[in-house]
Amino acid sequence: MKIKEIRIKNYRSLQDFVIENIGDLSTFIGSNSSGKSNLFEAISLFFSYLDVSLEQDIGTADEYLWFDRDSSKDIIFQFGFEVEKTELKTIIPEDIVPDVHSISTSSLITVVRVIKGPASSAKWKTLEVSLNGNILVKDDKFVYKKEKIKKITSKETTNQKVAPSAGNYLELILKNISQSFKGKFKLIPAVRNVVSEGSMSGRTSFISASLLSKLVKLGQAMGRHEEERWINLQESVTNTSLDIEDLLIRGSKVIIKEKGTYRYFPVELIGGGYQEMLELIYEITEDNIPCVAVEEPETHFHPEITRKLFDFMKKESEKRQLFISTHSPVFIDQENLRNTWIVRKENRSTTTSRIKSPKELQNVLFELGIRPSDIFFYDAIIFVEGVSDKKVFQHWFRKAGVELSGYRVTMIPINGKAKGKYHLKVWLEAIRNVKIKFFMIFDKDAEKEAKDAIDTGVLKRDENLFLLEDTLEDYYDLDKLVKAINSEYNLKITAEEKKLLKRKPRSKIIDDLLRKRDIDKQGWKVRIGEKVAKSMTFYELPEEIRRIIERIGTDLRI
């Protein structure tokens, strides 16, 4: 189950709020009080009270739930859920409405519920349930097309009032919808509930006692599922942390091993940020919760940890749907900008707009979340062109035996050619007074902008500045490239097309190839590049690339 569309009316600042075509990972970025928390609270409220088969009395409700405190208007929640064919069978039995099960792909179930006022005697009510645009239930009546119904009731009419009898098929469908969706959403708020004072008896853990108990229980469990979850938790924590090498259970204690040492100590003695990271990762990965919203996950983390946390969340979104509200541009997915919404408040009403291109970020971010101040967190920096260059070179360095994380090295894409300028003066000024190593790997387009720095000796060709003769895609192994394109887009590249791919620049050839086949080109450089880079061996790398990696690797080891 995934949420594909949301429409909310008259809830707090959400006067008429709509988001559609929701993906696996969605980021909502905006200023304080723009309405991000109101959105997540509204989603949580809908899931908590979801019972489509009943009209529920609430009693007295807070009048501030209503936009402008006007409880004479209905608060409307409309949610569209994408369900796979196997899920659909548990909601709508095949012998009741058989034609819906002929659909080979996923289906969309839309549920519309309202909170009716006044606030002094509020109640929940279901207005509508539809399947793939066909209305099943409207105003307590079953209104699906008569000729498509099988065994729905014992009566001829398809417009009867919903009956409460246990054998009523309609009631069964409504009950199944409620059971399938209710409680399947978790909200992780941006709150730190622990106040710690200095004490001779030890530090207060930021991790709750209940979670510590759950961690101990999970780490000691012998079941296969629990063991797999514990291993995944360990890997997620160690991959996200810069300082934790292992997570262990000793007796009734949660213990961490410090990276690069033989030191072990209780989890409450690590930094508060790492404790919050552990709790956050555990909560996000909880079983049986297909949708999770996290408020301000960047809180208390420095930029590198925040980026690693976002990498973890992107990977986790392959298993469950994630929603993020943030003030940090780090959580903008540069590989897919359409996952990001800018949230604003206009005339007391929350509005949102989906980002479609980097140009739309100019008043919200600087360089898509990468700031020159980030260099203070590393021992060395490698600057590259764009996100695809970063992904590809990370794999290539690893293939050459140069593990960048081991040298506390980061790779920063500055989107030079894509933005028409490399902003080298900005980055070089930031580096000038910081005694760390840095390297730049760019296309030849950067040579003109780098001229002054080369003339003054700040940049030296083939020492800390490497200008590629060709574009990145021109260095890919041809057979691996063809295989990656075929795999990614379910194509079969022809012999003639493969011949065209020998030309330079390849990026233009690939663009044209995808355009002619009506394939969405967005993000192909990252996806194809990563597939090719993963599959190429070090010896398949062109001599120019190997020489650059070996030169930088040697310099890092000195």
Protein backbone atom coordinates (compact mmCIF):
# COMPACT_ATOMS: atom_id res chain seq x y z
CA MET A 1 0.00 0.00 0.00
CA LYS A 2 1.21 3.48 -0.89
CA ILE A 3 -0.38 6.90 -0.67
CA LYS A 4 -0.61 8.33 -4.19
CA GLU A 5 -2.72 11.44 -3.65
CA ILE A 6 -3.91 13.62 -0.78
CA ARG A 7 -6.49 16.40 -0.68
CA ILE A 8 -7.29 18.12 2.60
CA LYS A 9 -9.74 20.98 3.10
CA ASN A 10 -10.35 23.22 6.12
CA TYR A 11 -7.89 21.50 8.49
CA ARG A 12 -5.85 24.08 10.41
CA SER A 13 -3.88 26.02 7.75
CA LEU A 14 -4.72 23.46 5.03
CA GLN A 15 -7.66 25.32 3.51
CA ASP A 16 -7.48 23.49 0.18
CA PHE A 17 -4.28 21.47 0.03
CA VAL A 18 -3.54 19.00 -2.80
CA ILE A 19 -0.56 16.80 -3.63
CA GLU A 20 -0.70 14.17 -6.37
CA ASN A 21 1.51 11.50 -7.94
CA ILE A 22 3.29 10.94 -4.64
CA GLY A 23 6.42 8.80 -4.89
CA ASP A 24 8.30 6.51 -2.51
CA LEU A 25 10.19 9.39 -0.88
CA SER A 26 8.73 12.88 -0.53
CA THR A 27 10.44 15.92 0.97
CA PHE A 28 8.53 19.00 2.13
CA ILE A 29 10.80 21.99 2.65
CA GLY A 30 9.72 25.36 3.97
CA SER A 31 10.04 27.94 6.72
CA ASN A 32 8.71 27.62 10.26
CA SER A 33 4.89 27.75 10.53
CA SER A 34 4.44 27.18 6.81
CA GLY A 35 2.15 24.20 7.53
CA LYS A 36 4.40 21.15 7.18
CA SER A 37 3.49 19.84 10.64
CA ASN A 38 -0.20 20.43 9.94
CA LEU A 39 0.07 18.18 6.88
CA PHE A 40 1.70 15.33 8.80
CA GLU A 41 -0.77 15.69 11.68
CA ALA A 42 -3.67 15.55 9.22
CA ILE A 43 -2.31 12.34 7.66
CA SER A 44 -1.81 10.83 11.11
CA LEU A 45 -5.34 11.82 12.16
CA PHE A 46 -6.86 10.23 9.06
CA PHE A 47 -5.06 6.91 9.62
CA SER A 48 -5.75 6.84 13.36
CA TYR A 49 -9.50 7.25 12.98
CA LEU A 50 -9.96 5.33 9.75
CA ASP A 51 -13.13 3.25 10.02
CA VAL A 52 -15.03 3.58 6.78
CA SER A 53 -17.95 1.40 7.83
CA LEU A 54 -19.12 3.56 10.73
CA GLU A 55 -20.18 7.07 11.54
CA GLN A 56 -18.16 7.94 14.62
CA ASP A 57 -19.11 10.44 17.29
CA ILE A 58 -16.12 12.47 18.46
CA GLY A 59 -17.85 14.65 21.01
CA THR A 60 -16.16 17.94 21.76
CA ALA A 61 -13.26 18.73 19.41
CA ASP A 62 -10.74 21.55 19.45
CA GLU A 63 -12.13 24.35 17.30
CA TYR A 64 -8.56 25.13 16.21
CA LEU A 65 -8.72 21.97 14.06
CA TRP A 66 -10.81 24.01 11.62
CA PHE A 67 -9.37 26.60 9.27
CA ASP A 68 -10.10 30.04 10.76
CA ARG A 69 -11.83 28.18 13.65
CA ASP A 70 -14.96 27.90 11.48
CA SER A 71 -16.43 24.54 12.53
CA SER A 72 -19.56 25.07 10.42
CA LYS A 73 -17.57 23.76 7.44
CA ASP A 74 -16.61 20.11 6.99
CA ILE A 75 -12.97 19.14 7.34
CA ILE A 76 -12.43 16.93 4.29
CA PHE A 77 -9.78 14.22 3.94
CA GLN A 78 -9.41 12.56 0.53
CA PHE A 79 -6.72 9.90 0.21
CA GLY A 80 -5.85 7.79 -2.82
CA PHE A 81 -4.12 4.47 -2.04
CA GLU A 82 -2.22 2.42 -4.59
CA VAL A 83 -2.67 -1.28 -3.86
CA GLU A 84 -1.11 -4.25 -5.61
CA LYS A 85 -3.27 -7.05 -7.00
CA THR A 86 -2.54 -9.36 -4.04
CA GLU A 87 -3.55 -6.60 -1.60
CA LEU A 88 -6.72 -5.90 -3.55
CA LYS A 89 -7.87 -9.50 -3.11
CA THR A 90 -7.77 -9.10 0.67
CA ILE A 91 -9.89 -5.96 0.44
CA ILE A 92 -12.41 -6.89 -2.27
CA PRO A 93 -12.98 -10.65 -2.54
CA GLU A 94 -12.87 -11.83 -6.13
CA ASP A 95 -16.24 -13.55 -5.93
CA ILE A 96 -17.94 -10.24 -5.04
CA VAL A 97 -16.73 -7.85 -7.73
CA PRO A 98 -14.79 -10.14 -10.11
CA ASP A 99 -14.08 -7.63 -12.88
CA VAL A 100 -11.68 -5.57 -10.75
CA HIS A 101 -9.34 -8.54 -10.44
CA SER A 102 -8.82 -8.66 -14.19
CA ILE A 103 -6.53 -5.63 -13.79
CA SER A 104 -2.95 -6.88 -14.07
CA THR A 105 -1.30 -3.87 -12.44
CA SER A 106 -1.98 -1.92 -9.26
CA SER A 107 -5.31 -0.30 -8.43
CA LEU A 108 -6.25 3.01 -6.81
CA ILE A 109 -8.66 3.00 -3.88
CA THR A 110 -9.86 6.49 -2.92
CA VAL A 111 -11.43 7.15 0.47
CA VAL A 112 -13.15 10.45 1.35
CA ARG A 113 -13.92 11.11 5.03
CA VAL A 114 -15.03 14.26 6.80
CA ILE A 115 -15.15 15.69 10.29
CA LYS A 116 -18.51 17.37 10.61
CA GLY A 117 -19.02 20.20 13.06
CA PRO A 118 -19.88 22.01 15.13
CA ALA A 119 -16.83 21.56 17.35
CA SER A 120 -19.06 20.96 20.37
CA SER A 121 -20.55 17.78 18.82
CA ALA A 122 -18.19 16.71 16.07
CA LYS A 123 -18.28 13.36 14.29
CA TRP A 124 -16.47 11.41 11.57
CA LYS A 125 -18.38 10.35 8.49
CA THR A 126 -17.43 8.47 5.31
CA LEU A 127 -18.60 10.26 2.16
CA GLU A 128 -17.16 8.14 -0.62
CA VAL A 129 -15.10 5.09 -1.52
CA SER A 130 -14.05 4.49 -5.12
CA LEU A 131 -11.93 1.99 -7.01
CA ASN A 132 -10.02 3.15 -10.10
CA GLY A 133 -12.45 6.04 -10.49
CA ASN A 134 -15.57 3.86 -10.11
CA ILE A 135 -17.58 4.89 -7.06
CA LEU A 136 -18.38 1.95 -4.76
CA VAL A 137 -19.86 3.79 -1.81
CA LYS A 138 -21.43 7.22 -1.62
CA ASP A 139 -23.37 8.67 1.32
CA ASP A 140 -23.83 5.28 3.02
CA LYS A 141 -25.07 3.63 -0.16
CA PHE A 142 -23.50 1.06 -2.47
CA VAL A 143 -23.63 2.53 -5.97
CA TYR A 144 -21.28 0.37 -8.07
CA LYS A 145 -22.58 -0.57 -11.53
CA LYS A 146 -25.29 -3.20 -11.18
CA GLU A 147 -24.17 -5.31 -14.15
CA LYS A 148 -20.68 -5.70 -12.66
CA ILE A 149 -21.80 -6.96 -9.26
CA LYS A 150 -21.76 -10.59 -8.24
CA LYS A 151 -23.23 -11.76 -4.92
CA ILE A 152 -23.07 -8.27 -3.49
CA THR A 153 -26.46 -8.59 -1.80
CA SER A 154 -29.45 -10.84 -1.95
CA LYS A 155 -31.57 -7.98 -3.28
CA GLU A 156 -31.86 -6.74 -6.86
CA THR A 157 -31.19 -3.10 -6.06
CA THR A 158 -27.66 -1.69 -6.00
CA ASN A 159 -28.71 1.40 -4.10
CA GLN A 160 -29.60 -0.02 -0.71
CA LYS A 161 -28.66 1.50 2.64
CA VAL A 162 -25.59 -0.08 4.21
CA ALA A 163 -26.81 -2.86 6.48
CA PRO A 164 -24.95 -3.82 9.67
CA SER A 165 -25.52 -7.55 9.31
CA ALA A 166 -22.41 -9.75 9.59
CA GLY A 167 -23.09 -11.44 6.27
CA ASN A 168 -23.38 -8.26 4.28
CA TYR A 169 -20.70 -8.24 1.55
CA LEU A 170 -20.68 -4.46 1.37
CA GLU A 171 -19.91 -4.19 5.05
CA LEU A 172 -17.15 -6.75 4.53
CA ILE A 173 -15.51 -4.58 1.86
CA LEU A 174 -15.65 -1.50 4.08
CA LYS A 175 -14.29 -3.46 7.02
CA ASN A 176 -11.44 -4.81 4.88
CA ILE A 177 -10.48 -1.31 3.74
CA SER A 178 -10.35 -0.15 7.34
CA GLN A 179 -8.25 -3.12 8.45
CA SER A 180 -5.87 -2.74 5.51
CA PHE A 181 -5.11 0.96 6.03
CA LYS A 182 -5.85 1.90 9.64
CA GLY A 183 -2.74 2.43 11.75
CA LYS A 184 -0.39 1.90 8.78
CA PHE A 185 1.15 5.36 9.14
CA LYS A 186 3.72 6.49 11.71
CA LEU A 187 4.62 10.09 12.54
CA ILE A 188 8.03 10.69 14.11
CA PRO A 189 7.88 14.27 15.49
CA ALA A 190 10.80 16.66 15.85
CA VAL A 191 10.86 16.61 19.65
CA ARG A 192 13.62 15.86 22.15
CA ASN A 193 11.90 14.95 25.41
CA VAL A 194 14.95 14.45 27.63
CA VAL A 195 16.53 17.12 29.83
CA SER A 196 19.89 15.95 31.14
CA GLU A 197 21.83 17.43 34.06
CA GLY A 198 25.37 16.68 35.15
CA SER A 199 25.54 13.72 37.52
CA MET A 200 28.19 11.60 39.24
CA SER A 201 26.04 8.51 38.70
CA GLY A 202 26.17 8.57 34.92
CA ARG A 203 24.66 10.24 31.90
CA THR A 204 20.94 10.16 31.15
CA SER A 205 20.30 8.40 27.87
CA PHE A 206 18.41 10.29 25.18
CA ILE A 207 17.09 6.91 24.07
CA SER A 208 13.89 5.98 25.88
CA ALA A 209 13.93 3.07 28.32
CA SER A 210 11.29 1.30 26.24
CA LEU A 211 13.44 1.48 23.11
CA LEU A 212 16.53 0.26 24.97
CA SER A 213 14.45 -2.71 26.10
CA LYS A 214 13.27 -3.34 22.53
CA LEU A 215 16.85 -3.19 21.24
CA VAL A 216 18.04 -5.70 23.84
CA LYS A 217 15.13 -8.01 23.05
CA LEU A 218 15.73 -7.76 19.30
CA GLY A 219 19.48 -8.30 19.62
CA GLN A 220 18.98 -11.43 21.74
CA ALA A 221 16.16 -12.93 19.66
CA MET A 222 16.87 -16.25 17.93
CA GLY A 223 14.16 -16.14 15.24
CA ARG A 224 15.29 -15.75 11.65
CA HIS A 225 13.19 -12.65 11.00
CA GLU A 226 14.43 -10.93 14.17
CA GLU A 227 18.05 -11.82 13.37
CA GLU A 228 17.69 -10.34 9.89
CA ARG A 229 16.18 -7.16 11.29
CA TRP A 230 18.97 -6.84 13.87
CA ILE A 231 21.65 -7.27 11.18
CA ASN A 232 19.93 -4.66 8.99
CA LEU A 233 19.76 -2.29 11.97
CA GLN A 234 23.47 -2.80 12.70
CA GLU A 235 24.40 -2.14 9.07
CA SER A 236 22.20 0.96 8.85
CA VAL A 237 23.67 2.45 12.04
CA THR A 238 27.31 1.76 11.15
CA ASN A 239 26.87 2.98 7.55
CA THR A 240 25.24 6.20 8.73
CA SER A 241 27.68 6.93 11.54
CA LEU A 242 31.21 8.22 11.14
CA ASP A 243 32.31 6.82 14.53
CA ILE A 244 30.34 3.64 15.27
CA GLU A 245 31.85 0.41 13.97
CA ASP A 246 29.45 -2.06 15.59
CA LEU A 247 26.27 -2.26 17.66
CA LEU A 248 26.16 -5.08 20.23
CA ILE A 249 24.10 -6.47 23.10
CA ARG A 250 25.92 -7.53 26.26
CA GLY A 251 23.61 -8.79 28.95
CA SER A 252 20.93 -6.11 29.30
CA LYS A 253 23.09 -3.35 27.83
CA VAL A 254 23.27 -1.83 24.35
CA ILE A 255 26.97 -1.43 23.54
CA ILE A 256 28.75 0.32 20.70
CA LYS A 257 32.26 -0.25 19.35
CA GLU A 258 34.12 2.88 18.37
CA LYS A 259 35.35 2.88 14.78
CA GLY A 260 39.07 2.31 14.36
CA THR A 261 39.69 1.41 18.03
CA TYR A 262 39.10 -1.46 20.45
CA ARG A 263 36.92 0.65 22.72
CA TYR A 264 33.44 -0.53 23.74
CA PHE A 265 31.04 1.48 25.88
CA PRO A 266 27.30 1.83 26.66
CA VAL A 267 25.21 3.59 24.05
CA GLU A 268 24.26 6.39 26.46
CA LEU A 269 27.90 7.55 26.46
CA ILE A 270 27.97 8.34 22.75
CA GLY A 271 26.88 11.77 21.57
CA GLY A 272 23.24 12.76 21.81
CA GLY A 273 23.06 13.08 18.03
CA TYR A 274 24.12 9.46 17.51
CA GLN A 275 21.61 8.30 20.12
CA GLU A 276 18.87 10.11 18.24
CA MET A 277 20.14 8.62 14.98
CA LEU A 278 19.86 5.11 16.44
CA GLU A 279 16.33 5.75 17.68
CA LEU A 280 15.31 7.32 14.37
CA ILE A 281 16.65 4.39 12.32
CA TYR A 282 14.89 1.89 14.60
CA GLU A 283 11.55 3.72 14.36
CA ILE A 284 11.74 4.13 10.58
CA THR A 285 12.47 0.44 10.04
CA GLU A 286 9.72 -0.89 12.33
CA ASP A 287 7.86 -3.86 10.88
CA ASN A 288 4.40 -3.59 9.30
CA ILE A 289 4.41 0.20 8.91
CA PRO A 290 4.31 0.95 5.17
CA CYS A 291 4.18 4.77 5.53
CA VAL A 292 6.42 6.82 7.83
CA ALA A 293 6.70 10.62 8.20
CA VAL A 294 9.74 12.18 9.86
CA GLU A 295 9.83 15.79 11.02
CA GLU A 296 13.16 17.61 10.77
CA PRO A 297 15.46 14.56 10.69
CA GLU A 298 18.44 16.92 10.37
CA THR A 299 18.07 18.13 13.98
CA HIS A 300 21.30 17.74 16.00
CA PHE A 301 23.32 16.29 13.09
CA HIS A 302 26.23 17.89 11.28
CA PRO A 303 26.07 17.93 7.44
CA GLU A 304 27.94 14.68 6.72
CA ILE A 305 25.79 12.63 9.11
CA THR A 306 22.70 14.33 7.69
CA ARG A 307 23.69 13.29 4.18
CA LYS A 308 24.38 9.73 5.28
CA LEU A 309 21.00 9.68 7.03
CA PHE A 310 19.35 10.82 3.81
CA ASP A 311 21.16 8.07 1.89
CA PHE A 312 19.78 5.57 4.41
CA MET A 313 16.26 7.00 4.02
CA LYS A 314 16.45 6.82 0.23
CA LYS A 315 17.44 3.17 0.45
CA GLU A 316 14.73 2.47 3.03
CA SER A 317 12.11 4.08 0.76
CA GLU A 318 12.48 1.03 -1.47
CA LYS A 319 10.75 -0.93 1.32
CA ARG A 320 8.29 1.64 2.69
CA GLN A 321 6.98 5.07 1.75
CA LEU A 322 8.71 7.96 3.52
CA PHE A 323 7.68 11.58 4.03
CA ILE A 324 10.17 14.17 5.30
CA SER A 325 9.57 17.72 6.51
CA THR A 326 12.72 19.77 6.79
CA HIS A 327 14.41 23.15 6.85
CA SER A 328 17.54 21.60 5.37
CA PRO A 329 18.32 21.51 1.64
CA VAL A 330 20.36 18.35 2.27
CA PHE A 331 17.13 16.32 2.01
CA ILE A 332 16.44 17.41 -1.53
CA ASP A 333 16.94 14.44 -3.83
CA GLN A 334 19.11 15.90 -6.57
CA GLU A 335 18.55 12.77 -8.64
CA ASN A 336 14.80 13.33 -8.69
CA LEU A 337 13.72 16.88 -7.91
CA ARG A 338 10.05 15.94 -8.39
CA ASN A 339 10.20 14.23 -5.00
CA THR A 340 10.39 17.69 -3.40
CA TRP A 341 7.67 20.20 -2.55
CA ILE A 342 8.18 23.79 -1.40
CA VAL A 343 5.63 24.61 1.33
CA ARG A 344 4.57 28.22 1.91
CA LYS A 345 1.83 30.06 3.76
CA GLU A 346 -0.13 32.70 1.88
CA ASN A 347 -2.96 34.61 3.58
CA ARG A 348 -3.03 32.09 6.47
CA SER A 349 -3.45 29.21 4.00
CA THR A 350 -0.75 26.62 3.29
CA THR A 351 0.16 26.14 -0.36
CA THR A 352 2.66 23.84 -2.02
CA SER A 353 4.45 23.65 -5.33
CA ARG A 354 6.40 20.74 -6.72
CA ILE A 355 9.98 21.35 -7.81
CA LYS A 356 10.56 20.48 -11.44
CA SER A 357 13.96 22.00 -12.20
CA PRO A 358 17.00 23.37 -10.33
CA LYS A 359 15.99 26.91 -11.32
CA GLU A 360 13.03 26.69 -8.95
CA LEU A 361 15.39 26.23 -6.00
CA GLN A 362 17.15 29.57 -6.26
CA ASN A 363 15.32 31.29 -3.39
CA VAL A 364 15.38 28.25 -1.13
CA LEU A 365 18.80 26.61 -1.46
CA PHE A 366 22.36 27.29 -2.36
CA GLU A 367 23.89 24.79 -4.73
CA LEU A 368 21.22 22.21 -3.95
CA GLY A 369 22.18 21.95 -0.29
CA ILE A 370 25.93 21.99 -0.61
CA ARG A 371 27.60 24.95 1.10
CA PRO A 372 31.28 25.92 1.10
CA SER A 373 31.23 25.77 4.92
CA ASP A 374 30.84 21.98 4.64
CA ILE A 375 34.56 21.63 3.91
CA PHE A 376 35.39 22.05 7.61
CA PHE A 377 34.12 18.54 8.35
CA TYR A 378 36.68 16.66 6.24
CA ASP A 379 40.38 16.01 5.82
CA ALA A 380 40.18 16.25 2.03
CA ILE A 381 37.66 17.25 -0.65
CA ILE A 382 37.22 16.01 -4.21
CA PHE A 383 35.12 18.38 -6.32
CA VAL A 384 33.35 16.95 -9.36
CA GLU A 385 30.89 18.23 -11.97
CA GLY A 386 27.52 16.83 -10.97
CA VAL A 387 25.65 14.12 -9.10
CA SER A 388 26.30 11.50 -11.78
CA ASP A 389 30.04 12.23 -11.65
CA LYS A 390 29.98 11.79 -7.88
CA LYS A 391 28.18 8.43 -8.06
CA VAL A 392 30.41 7.10 -10.83
CA PHE A 393 33.74 8.24 -9.40
CA GLN A 394 32.86 6.86 -5.96
CA HIS A 395 32.52 3.40 -7.53
CA TRP A 396 35.65 3.83 -9.63
CA PHE A 397 37.75 4.92 -6.65
CA ARG A 398 36.51 1.88 -4.74
CA LYS A 399 37.39 -0.39 -7.68
CA ALA A 400 40.91 1.03 -7.50
CA GLY A 401 41.18 0.19 -3.82
CA VAL A 402 40.86 3.82 -2.69
CA GLU A 403 38.12 3.83 -0.01
CA LEU A 404 37.42 7.54 0.41
CA SER A 405 35.60 7.24 3.73
CA GLY A 406 38.72 5.71 5.24
CA TYR A 407 40.59 8.96 4.57
CA ARG A 408 37.67 11.17 5.75
CA VAL A 409 37.31 12.40 2.18
CA THR A 410 34.06 13.64 0.70
CA MET A 411 33.11 14.22 -2.90
CA ILE A 412 31.12 17.36 -3.66
CA PRO A 413 29.30 17.94 -6.97
CA ILE A 414 29.17 21.64 -7.83
CA ASN A 415 26.99 21.33 -10.96
CA GLY A 416 29.40 23.49 -12.93
CA LYS A 417 28.60 22.89 -16.58
CA ALA A 418 24.92 22.29 -15.84
CA LYS A 419 24.67 25.73 -14.24
CA GLY A 420 26.89 27.41 -16.81
CA LYS A 421 29.50 28.27 -14.19
CA TYR A 422 31.71 26.39 -11.75
CA HIS A 423 31.90 29.11 -9.04
CA LEU A 424 35.53 28.13 -8.49
CA LYS A 425 36.31 31.42 -6.76
CA VAL A 426 33.68 30.66 -4.11
CA TRP A 427 35.08 27.22 -3.37
CA LEU A 428 38.73 28.25 -3.53
CA GLU A 429 38.08 31.16 -1.17
CA ALA A 430 36.42 28.79 1.28
CA ILE A 431 39.40 26.42 1.08
CA ARG A 432 42.08 29.13 1.20
CA ASN A 433 42.42 29.30 4.98
CA VAL A 434 41.70 25.63 5.66
CA LYS A 435 44.76 23.41 5.57
CA ILE A 436 43.19 20.39 3.91
CA LYS A 437 43.88 18.68 0.63
CA PHE A 438 41.52 19.20 -2.27
CA PHE A 439 41.22 17.94 -5.83
CA MET A 440 39.02 18.97 -8.75
CA ILE A 441 37.89 16.68 -11.58
CA PHE A 442 36.02 18.60 -14.28
CA ASP A 443 35.34 18.71 -17.99
CA LYS A 444 37.61 20.92 -20.09
CA ASP A 445 34.87 23.58 -19.91
CA ALA A 446 36.26 24.58 -16.50
CA GLU A 447 39.67 25.53 -17.90
CA LYS A 448 38.72 29.10 -18.75
CA GLU A 449 37.21 29.76 -15.32
CA ALA A 450 40.21 28.14 -13.62
CA LYS A 451 42.78 30.21 -15.55
CA ASP A 452 43.44 32.79 -12.81
CA ALA A 453 43.86 30.09 -10.16
CA ILE A 454 46.20 28.16 -12.46
CA ASP A 455 48.25 31.27 -13.21
CA THR A 456 48.68 32.03 -9.49
CA GLY A 457 49.58 28.44 -8.67
CA VAL A 458 46.52 27.69 -6.52
CA LEU A 459 45.48 25.06 -9.03
CA LYS A 460 48.05 22.83 -10.70
CA ARG A 461 47.20 20.68 -13.68
CA ASP A 462 47.45 16.95 -12.96
CA GLU A 463 48.15 17.60 -9.26
CA ASN A 464 44.96 19.03 -7.79
CA LEU A 465 43.15 19.96 -11.01
CA PHE A 466 42.24 17.24 -13.51
CA LEU A 467 40.49 18.30 -16.70
CA LEU A 468 38.91 15.42 -18.60
CA GLU A 469 39.40 15.30 -22.35
CA ASP A 470 35.90 13.85 -22.87
CA THR A 471 32.53 13.84 -21.11
CA LEU A 472 31.97 11.26 -18.38
CA GLU A 473 29.81 8.94 -20.52
CA ASP A 474 32.57 8.69 -23.14
CA TYR A 475 34.69 6.75 -20.63
CA TYR A 476 32.11 3.98 -20.12
CA ASP A 477 32.78 0.49 -21.45
CA LEU A 478 30.52 0.25 -24.51
CA ASP A 479 29.16 -3.25 -23.83
CA LYS A 480 28.47 -2.38 -20.18
CA LEU A 481 26.73 0.82 -21.28
CA VAL A 482 24.44 -1.01 -23.71
CA LYS A 483 23.61 -3.60 -21.07
CA ALA A 484 22.80 -0.87 -18.53
CA ILE A 485 20.47 0.97 -20.93
CA ASN A 486 18.69 -2.25 -21.89
CA SER A 487 18.28 -3.22 -18.23
CA GLU A 488 17.16 0.20 -16.98
CA TYR A 489 14.57 0.84 -19.69
CA ASN A 490 13.70 -2.71 -20.75
CA LEU A 491 15.03 -2.04 -24.25
CA LYS A 492 17.04 -3.89 -26.83
CA ILE A 493 19.65 -1.59 -28.35
CA THR A 494 20.06 -2.38 -32.05
CA ALA A 495 23.41 -2.93 -33.75
CA GLU A 496 22.99 0.41 -35.52
CA GLU A 497 22.26 2.20 -32.24
CA LYS A 498 25.29 0.56 -30.64
CA LYS A 499 27.38 1.84 -33.51
CA LEU A 500 26.05 5.36 -32.87
CA LEU A 501 27.05 5.06 -29.21
CA LYS A 502 30.70 4.95 -30.27
CA ARG A 503 30.43 8.61 -31.24
CA LYS A 504 31.23 11.52 -28.92
CA PRO A 505 29.73 13.06 -26.94
CA ARG A 506 27.76 9.97 -25.97
CA SER A 507 25.45 11.94 -23.68
CA LYS A 508 23.80 13.57 -26.69
CA ILE A 509 23.43 10.19 -28.45
CA ILE A 510 21.76 8.68 -25.38
CA ASP A 511 19.48 11.72 -25.03
CA ASP A 512 18.35 11.33 -28.65
CA LEU A 513 17.95 7.56 -28.29
CA LEU A 514 15.63 7.90 -25.27
CA ARG A 515 13.70 10.79 -26.82
CA LYS A 516 12.97 8.83 -29.99
CA ARG A 517 11.52 6.02 -27.88
CA ASP A 518 9.36 8.43 -25.82
CA ILE A 519 11.22 7.57 -22.62
CA ASP A 520 11.43 10.10 -19.79
CA LYS A 521 15.06 11.22 -19.85
CA GLN A 522 15.11 12.75 -16.38
CA GLY A 523 17.80 11.26 -14.16
CA TRP A 524 19.25 8.87 -16.74
CA LYS A 525 22.83 10.04 -16.23
CA VAL A 526 22.79 9.01 -12.57
CA ARG A 527 20.93 5.71 -13.03
CA ILE A 528 22.85 4.54 -16.10
CA GLY A 529 26.15 5.86 -14.79
CA GLU A 530 25.84 3.99 -11.51
CA LYS A 531 24.94 0.72 -13.25
CA VAL A 532 27.92 0.99 -15.59
CA ALA A 533 30.36 2.06 -12.88
CA LYS A 534 29.33 -0.84 -10.65
CA SER A 535 29.84 -3.38 -13.44
CA MET A 536 33.18 -2.12 -14.80
CA THR A 537 36.39 -3.60 -13.45
CA PHE A 538 39.37 -1.41 -12.68
CA TYR A 539 41.16 -2.74 -15.76
CA GLU A 540 38.24 -1.69 -17.96
CA LEU A 541 38.73 1.93 -16.94
CA PRO A 542 40.45 4.10 -19.56
CA GLU A 543 44.07 4.94 -18.84
CA GLU A 544 43.24 8.63 -18.27
CA ILE A 545 40.75 7.80 -15.48
CA ARG A 546 43.08 5.25 -13.84
CA ARG A 547 45.90 7.77 -13.83
CA ILE A 548 43.73 10.39 -12.08
CA ILE A 549 42.52 7.95 -9.41
CA GLU A 550 46.01 6.59 -8.77
CA ARG A 551 47.42 10.14 -8.50
CA ILE A 552 44.79 11.22 -5.97
CA GLY A 553 45.03 7.91 -4.07
CA THR A 554 48.80 8.29 -3.73
CA ASP A 555 48.40 11.86 -2.48
CA LEU A 556 45.82 10.83 0.12
CA ARG A 557 48.11 8.14 1.53
CA ILE A 558 51.03 10.54 2.08
